[in-house]
Amino acid sequence: MAAMKQRASRGVTLLEVMATMAVMLLGVAAAMTVVSQTTRSNRRTLTANQAQIIAERTLENILQRGCQGSPTCDVAKDETFNVWQTSDGFLRNSAPTDPKVVARMYTVDVDVDNPQVPGTMEAGGSMGEPALNRSLVGASSGTLVNVRVSVSWVEPGIRTDRQMVVMQTRMAP
């Protein structure tokens, strides 16, 4: 009986300690992978949300100018420009010169399809559904235009192709 007591209290072997450490290491590695993937996903979502806000602001600015007083609605025009979103949330029209300021460049493309302005319609002259050249309800004259704002960016180190958010609406006089 004394021999049994001695055997039960001899402790943990080196092999058991190593096996326990290996299992713990696998658990820690799995947890680190989950945290890394979650961080990357959150960053992508934040970047896409910032692009959506830029698209909304651009579209709102165009709609605010509107077509009032322009029967051909030629106020809105195609344009392409870049904006930089800094890490503190400010939008800039030019790249920051201070190397300490972190900013992501977004390219904004505005495409206006206007049946009254030659060359602005998509290839094939598709008017969409309902058609852009239809008679407007309650308006004696005027043109309906399609305004599309695309905001694109590059995710360095994550993806090689450009990511994009697109918003569009129609406006009339």
C-alpha atoms as a PDB file:
ATOM      1  CA  MET A   1       0.000   0.000   0.000  1.00  0.00           C
ATOM      2  CA  ALA A   2       2.880   2.365   0.691  1.00  0.00           C
ATOM      3  CA  ALA A   3       4.191   1.716  -2.808  1.00  0.00           C
ATOM      4  CA  MET A   4       0.870   2.811  -4.272  1.00  0.00           C
ATOM      5  CA  LYS A   5       0.923   6.086  -2.332  1.00  0.00           C
ATOM      6  CA  GLN A   6       4.419   6.843  -3.548  1.00  0.00           C
ATOM      7  CA  ARG A   7       3.509   6.223  -7.158  1.00  0.00           C
ATOM      8  CA  ALA A   8       0.399   8.506  -7.068  1.00  0.00           C
ATOM      9  CA  SER A   9       2.334  11.457  -5.671  1.00  0.00           C
ATOM     10  CA  ARG A  10       5.314  11.341  -7.993  1.00  0.00           C
ATOM     11  CA  GLY A  11       4.126  14.385 -10.093  1.00  0.00           C
ATOM     12  CA  VAL A  12       3.748  15.202 -13.795  1.00  0.00           C
ATOM     13  CA  THR A  13       6.121  13.856 -16.415  1.00  0.00           C
ATOM     14  CA  LEU A  14       7.904  16.015 -18.971  1.00  0.00           C
ATOM     15  CA  LEU A  15       5.907  14.375 -21.750  1.00  0.00           C
ATOM     16  CA  GLU A  16       2.607  15.373 -20.132  1.00  0.00           C
ATOM     17  CA  VAL A  17       3.824  18.975 -19.720  1.00  0.00           C
ATOM     18  CA  MET A  18       4.873  19.147 -23.380  1.00  0.00           C
ATOM     19  CA  ALA A  19       1.534  17.733 -24.569  1.00  0.00           C
ATOM     20  CA  THR A  20      -0.346  20.281 -22.449  1.00  0.00           C
ATOM     21  CA  MET A  21       1.812  23.119 -23.817  1.00  0.00           C
ATOM     22  CA  ALA A  22       1.202  21.955 -27.415  1.00  0.00           C
ATOM     23  CA  VAL A  23      -2.584  21.983 -26.900  1.00  0.00           C
ATOM     24  CA  MET A  24      -2.408  25.436 -25.297  1.00  0.00           C
ATOM     25  CA  LEU A  25      -0.216  26.720 -28.154  1.00  0.00           C
ATOM     26  CA  LEU A  26      -2.774  25.532 -30.717  1.00  0.00           C
ATOM     27  CA  GLY A  27      -5.537  27.310 -28.800  1.00  0.00           C
ATOM     28  CA  VAL A  28      -3.578  30.559 -28.617  1.00  0.00           C
ATOM     29  CA  ALA A  29      -2.703  30.361 -32.328  1.00  0.00           C
ATOM     30  CA  ALA A  30      -6.371  29.826 -33.231  1.00  0.00           C
ATOM     31  CA  ALA A  31      -7.423  32.789 -31.075  1.00  0.00           C
ATOM     32  CA  MET A  32      -4.778  35.020 -32.687  1.00  0.00           C
ATOM     33  CA  THR A  33      -5.991  34.015 -36.164  1.00  0.00           C
ATOM     34  CA  VAL A  34      -9.579  34.919 -35.260  1.00  0.00           C
ATOM     35  CA  VAL A  35      -8.504  38.299 -33.877  1.00  0.00           C
ATOM     36  CA  SER A  36      -6.395  39.009 -36.983  1.00  0.00           C
ATOM     37  CA  GLN A  37      -9.221  38.093 -39.390  1.00  0.00           C
ATOM     38  CA  THR A  38     -11.730  40.165 -37.396  1.00  0.00           C
ATOM     39  CA  THR A  39      -9.427  43.185 -37.447  1.00  0.00           C
ATOM     40  CA  ARG A  40      -8.915  42.884 -41.208  1.00  0.00           C
ATOM     41  CA  SER A  41     -12.660  42.513 -41.799  1.00  0.00           C
ATOM     42  CA  ASN A  42     -13.419  45.541 -39.615  1.00  0.00           C
ATOM     43  CA  ARG A  43     -10.879  47.616 -41.533  1.00  0.00           C
ATOM     44  CA  ARG A  44     -12.460  46.629 -44.874  1.00  0.00           C
ATOM     45  CA  THR A  45     -15.912  47.492 -43.558  1.00  0.00           C
ATOM     46  CA  LEU A  46     -14.736  50.877 -42.261  1.00  0.00           C
ATOM     47  CA  THR A  47     -13.086  51.681 -45.592  1.00  0.00           C
ATOM     48  CA  ALA A  48     -16.243  50.734 -47.521  1.00  0.00           C
ATOM     49  CA  ASN A  49     -18.372  52.842 -45.145  1.00  0.00           C
ATOM     50  CA  GLN A  50     -16.071  55.824 -45.667  1.00  0.00           C
ATOM     51  CA  ALA A  51     -16.355  55.355 -49.447  1.00  0.00           C
ATOM     52  CA  GLN A  52     -20.141  55.219 -49.146  1.00  0.00           C
ATOM     53  CA  ILE A  53     -20.169  58.486 -47.185  1.00  0.00           C
ATOM     54  CA  ILE A  54     -18.006  60.124 -49.863  1.00  0.00           C
ATOM     55  CA  ALA A  55     -20.406  58.870 -52.569  1.00  0.00           C
ATOM     56  CA  GLU A  56     -23.432  60.148 -50.618  1.00  0.00           C
ATOM     57  CA  ARG A  57     -21.865  63.592 -50.115  1.00  0.00           C
ATOM     58  CA  THR A  58     -20.951  63.863 -53.786  1.00  0.00           C
ATOM     59  CA  LEU A  59     -24.422  62.802 -54.897  1.00  0.00           C
ATOM     60  CA  GLU A  60     -26.072  65.198 -52.427  1.00  0.00           C
ATOM     61  CA  ASN A  61     -23.921  68.095 -53.698  1.00  0.00           C
ATOM     62  CA  ILE A  62     -24.990  67.359 -57.274  1.00  0.00           C
ATOM     63  CA  LEU A  63     -28.651  67.055 -56.288  1.00  0.00           C
ATOM     64  CA  GLN A  64     -28.425  70.297 -54.318  1.00  0.00           C
ATOM     65  CA  ARG A  65     -27.280  72.159 -57.435  1.00  0.00           C
ATOM     66  CA  GLY A  66     -30.154  70.474 -59.244  1.00  0.00           C
ATOM     67  CA  CYS A  67     -31.533  71.164 -62.692  1.00  0.00           C
ATOM     68  CA  GLN A  68     -33.676  74.163 -61.781  1.00  0.00           C
ATOM     69  CA  GLY A  69     -33.680  76.699 -64.579  1.00  0.00           C
ATOM     70  CA  SER A  70     -32.070  74.278 -67.023  1.00  0.00           C
ATOM     71  CA  PRO A  71     -34.554  72.574 -69.354  1.00  0.00           C
ATOM     72  CA  THR A  72     -31.808  70.275 -70.645  1.00  0.00           C
ATOM     73  CA  CYS A  73     -30.471  69.631 -67.106  1.00  0.00           C
ATOM     74  CA  ASP A  74     -26.916  70.184 -68.292  1.00  0.00           C
ATOM     75  CA  VAL A  75     -25.756  71.426 -64.862  1.00  0.00           C
ATOM     76  CA  ALA A  76     -24.489  67.998 -63.775  1.00  0.00           C
ATOM     77  CA  LYS A  77     -21.486  66.819 -65.764  1.00  0.00           C
ATOM     78  CA  ASP A  78     -19.113  63.850 -65.852  1.00  0.00           C
ATOM     79  CA  GLU A  79     -16.060  64.357 -63.683  1.00  0.00           C
ATOM     80  CA  THR A  80     -13.303  62.407 -61.941  1.00  0.00           C
ATOM     81  CA  PHE A  81     -11.381  63.570 -58.888  1.00  0.00           C
ATOM     82  CA  ASN A  82      -9.487  62.210 -55.894  1.00  0.00           C
ATOM     83  CA  VAL A  83     -10.119  62.789 -52.189  1.00  0.00           C
ATOM     84  CA  TRP A  84      -8.053  61.669 -49.215  1.00  0.00           C
ATOM     85  CA  GLN A  85      -9.658  60.462 -45.989  1.00  0.00           C
ATOM     86  CA  THR A  86      -7.330  60.968 -43.031  1.00  0.00           C
ATOM     87  CA  SER A  87      -7.218  58.651 -40.058  1.00  0.00           C
ATOM     88  CA  ASP A  88      -8.826  61.381 -37.944  1.00  0.00           C
ATOM     89  CA  GLY A  89     -11.843  61.501 -40.286  1.00  0.00           C
ATOM     90  CA  PHE A  90     -11.144  64.617 -42.362  1.00  0.00           C
ATOM     91  CA  LEU A  91     -11.623  64.709 -46.141  1.00  0.00           C
ATOM     92  CA  ARG A  92      -8.942  66.500 -48.147  1.00  0.00           C
ATOM     93  CA  ASN A  93      -8.850  67.529 -51.794  1.00  0.00           C
ATOM     94  CA  SER A  94      -5.097  66.997 -51.962  1.00  0.00           C
ATOM     95  CA  ALA A  95      -2.700  64.447 -50.554  1.00  0.00           C
ATOM     96  CA  PRO A  96      -1.285  65.363 -47.143  1.00  0.00           C
ATOM     97  CA  THR A  97       2.289  66.625 -47.293  1.00  0.00           C
ATOM     98  CA  ASP A  98       3.065  65.736 -43.674  1.00  0.00           C
ATOM     99  CA  PRO A  99       4.372  62.128 -43.616  1.00  0.00           C
ATOM    100  CA  LYS A 100       2.899  61.677 -40.130  1.00  0.00           C
ATOM    101  CA  VAL A 101      -0.665  62.099 -41.492  1.00  0.00           C
ATOM    102  CA  VAL A 102      -2.165  58.782 -42.583  1.00  0.00           C
ATOM    103  CA  ALA A 103      -4.673  59.115 -45.437  1.00  0.00           C
ATOM    104  CA  ARG A 104      -6.322  56.760 -47.926  1.00  0.00           C
ATOM    105  CA  MET A 105      -6.920  57.973 -51.474  1.00  0.00           C
ATOM    106  CA  TYR A 106     -10.373  57.477 -52.984  1.00  0.00           C
ATOM    107  CA  THR A 107     -11.110  58.098 -56.670  1.00  0.00           C
ATOM    108  CA  VAL A 108     -14.564  59.564 -57.303  1.00  0.00           C
ATOM    109  CA  ASP A 109     -16.139  59.146 -60.765  1.00  0.00           C
ATOM    110  CA  VAL A 110     -19.350  60.998 -61.578  1.00  0.00           C
ATOM    111  CA  ASP A 111     -21.222  59.708 -64.648  1.00  0.00           C
ATOM    112  CA  VAL A 112     -24.245  61.659 -65.857  1.00  0.00           C
ATOM    113  CA  ASP A 113     -26.466  60.089 -68.527  1.00  0.00           C
ATOM    114  CA  ASN A 114     -28.387  62.926 -70.193  1.00  0.00           C
ATOM    115  CA  PRO A 115     -30.426  62.165 -73.316  1.00  0.00           C
ATOM    116  CA  GLN A 116     -30.275  65.879 -74.302  1.00  0.00           C
ATOM    117  CA  VAL A 117     -26.456  66.070 -74.281  1.00  0.00           C
ATOM    118  CA  PRO A 118     -24.745  64.089 -77.071  1.00  0.00           C
ATOM    119  CA  GLY A 119     -22.136  61.563 -75.981  1.00  0.00           C
ATOM    120  CA  THR A 120     -23.275  61.242 -72.372  1.00  0.00           C
ATOM    121  CA  MET A 121     -25.409  58.130 -72.765  1.00  0.00           C
ATOM    122  CA  GLU A 122     -23.935  54.649 -72.310  1.00  0.00           C
ATOM    123  CA  ALA A 123     -22.899  52.673 -75.370  1.00  0.00           C
ATOM    124  CA  GLY A 124     -25.967  51.636 -77.328  1.00  0.00           C
ATOM    125  CA  GLY A 125     -27.972  54.608 -76.049  1.00  0.00           C
ATOM    126  CA  SER A 126     -29.954  52.592 -73.498  1.00  0.00           C
ATOM    127  CA  MET A 127     -32.501  54.829 -71.744  1.00  0.00           C
ATOM    128  CA  GLY A 128     -33.084  52.477 -68.812  1.00  0.00           C
ATOM    129  CA  GLU A 129     -36.393  51.467 -67.314  1.00  0.00           C
ATOM    130  CA  PRO A 130     -38.412  53.606 -66.882  1.00  0.00           C
ATOM    131  CA  ALA A 131     -36.877  55.476 -69.804  1.00  0.00           C
ATOM    132  CA  LEU A 132     -34.910  58.683 -69.247  1.00  0.00           C
ATOM    133  CA  ASN A 133     -36.565  60.318 -72.279  1.00  0.00           C
ATOM    134  CA  ARG A 134     -40.152  59.810 -71.050  1.00  0.00           C
ATOM    135  CA  SER A 135     -42.562  62.690 -70.422  1.00  0.00           C
ATOM    136  CA  LEU A 136     -42.325  63.958 -66.860  1.00  0.00           C
ATOM    137  CA  VAL A 137     -45.483  63.993 -64.768  1.00  0.00           C
ATOM    138  CA  GLY A 138     -46.481  67.522 -63.750  1.00  0.00           C
ATOM    139  CA  ALA A 139     -43.744  69.158 -65.810  1.00  0.00           C
ATOM    140  CA  SER A 140     -44.368  70.931 -69.071  1.00  0.00           C
ATOM    141  CA  SER A 141     -40.797  70.436 -70.248  1.00  0.00           C
ATOM    142  CA  GLY A 142     -37.471  69.251 -69.005  1.00  0.00           C
ATOM    143  CA  THR A 143     -35.062  66.388 -69.044  1.00  0.00           C
ATOM    144  CA  LEU A 144     -34.597  63.509 -66.665  1.00  0.00           C
ATOM    145  CA  VAL A 145     -30.962  62.534 -66.095  1.00  0.00           C
ATOM    146  CA  ASN A 146     -29.314  59.563 -64.434  1.00  0.00           C
ATOM    147  CA  VAL A 147     -26.474  60.449 -62.022  1.00  0.00           C
ATOM    148  CA  ARG A 148     -24.093  57.695 -60.889  1.00  0.00           C
ATOM    149  CA  VAL A 149     -21.260  58.226 -58.397  1.00  0.00           C
ATOM    150  CA  SER A 150     -18.555  55.549 -58.098  1.00  0.00           C
ATOM    151  CA  VAL A 151     -15.953  55.697 -55.339  1.00  0.00           C
ATOM    152  CA  SER A 152     -13.011  53.310 -55.659  1.00  0.00           C
ATOM    153  CA  TRP A 153      -9.888  52.581 -53.632  1.00  0.00           C
ATOM    154  CA  VAL A 154      -7.039  50.088 -53.284  1.00  0.00           C
ATOM    155  CA  GLU A 155      -6.533  47.885 -50.225  1.00  0.00           C
ATOM    156  CA  PRO A 156      -2.728  47.687 -50.054  1.00  0.00           C
ATOM    157  CA  GLY A 157      -1.447  44.351 -48.813  1.00  0.00           C
ATOM    158  CA  ILE A 158      -4.930  42.791 -48.824  1.00  0.00           C
ATOM    159  CA  ARG A 159      -6.222  42.869 -52.407  1.00  0.00           C
ATOM    160  CA  THR A 160      -4.606  43.868 -55.666  1.00  0.00           C
ATOM    161  CA  ASP A 161      -7.796  44.886 -57.477  1.00  0.00           C
ATOM    162  CA  ARG A 162      -9.713  48.105 -56.809  1.00  0.00           C
ATOM    163  CA  GLN A 163     -12.719  48.027 -54.496  1.00  0.00           C
ATOM    164  CA  MET A 164     -15.764  50.141 -55.335  1.00  0.00           C
ATOM    165  CA  VAL A 165     -18.980  51.588 -53.963  1.00  0.00           C
ATOM    166  CA  VAL A 166     -21.598  52.870 -56.444  1.00  0.00           C
ATOM    167  CA  MET A 167     -24.664  55.037 -55.808  1.00  0.00           C
ATOM    168  CA  GLN A 168     -27.040  56.466 -58.344  1.00  0.00           C
ATOM    169  CA  THR A 169     -30.219  58.427 -58.674  1.00  0.00           C
ATOM    170  CA  ARG A 170     -32.216  60.364 -61.246  1.00  0.00           C
ATOM    171  CA  MET A 171     -32.983  64.048 -61.177  1.00  0.00           C
ATOM    172  CA  ALA A 172     -35.162  66.377 -63.178  1.00  0.00           C
ATOM    173  CA  PRO A 173     -35.962  70.098 -63.340  1.00  0.00           C
END
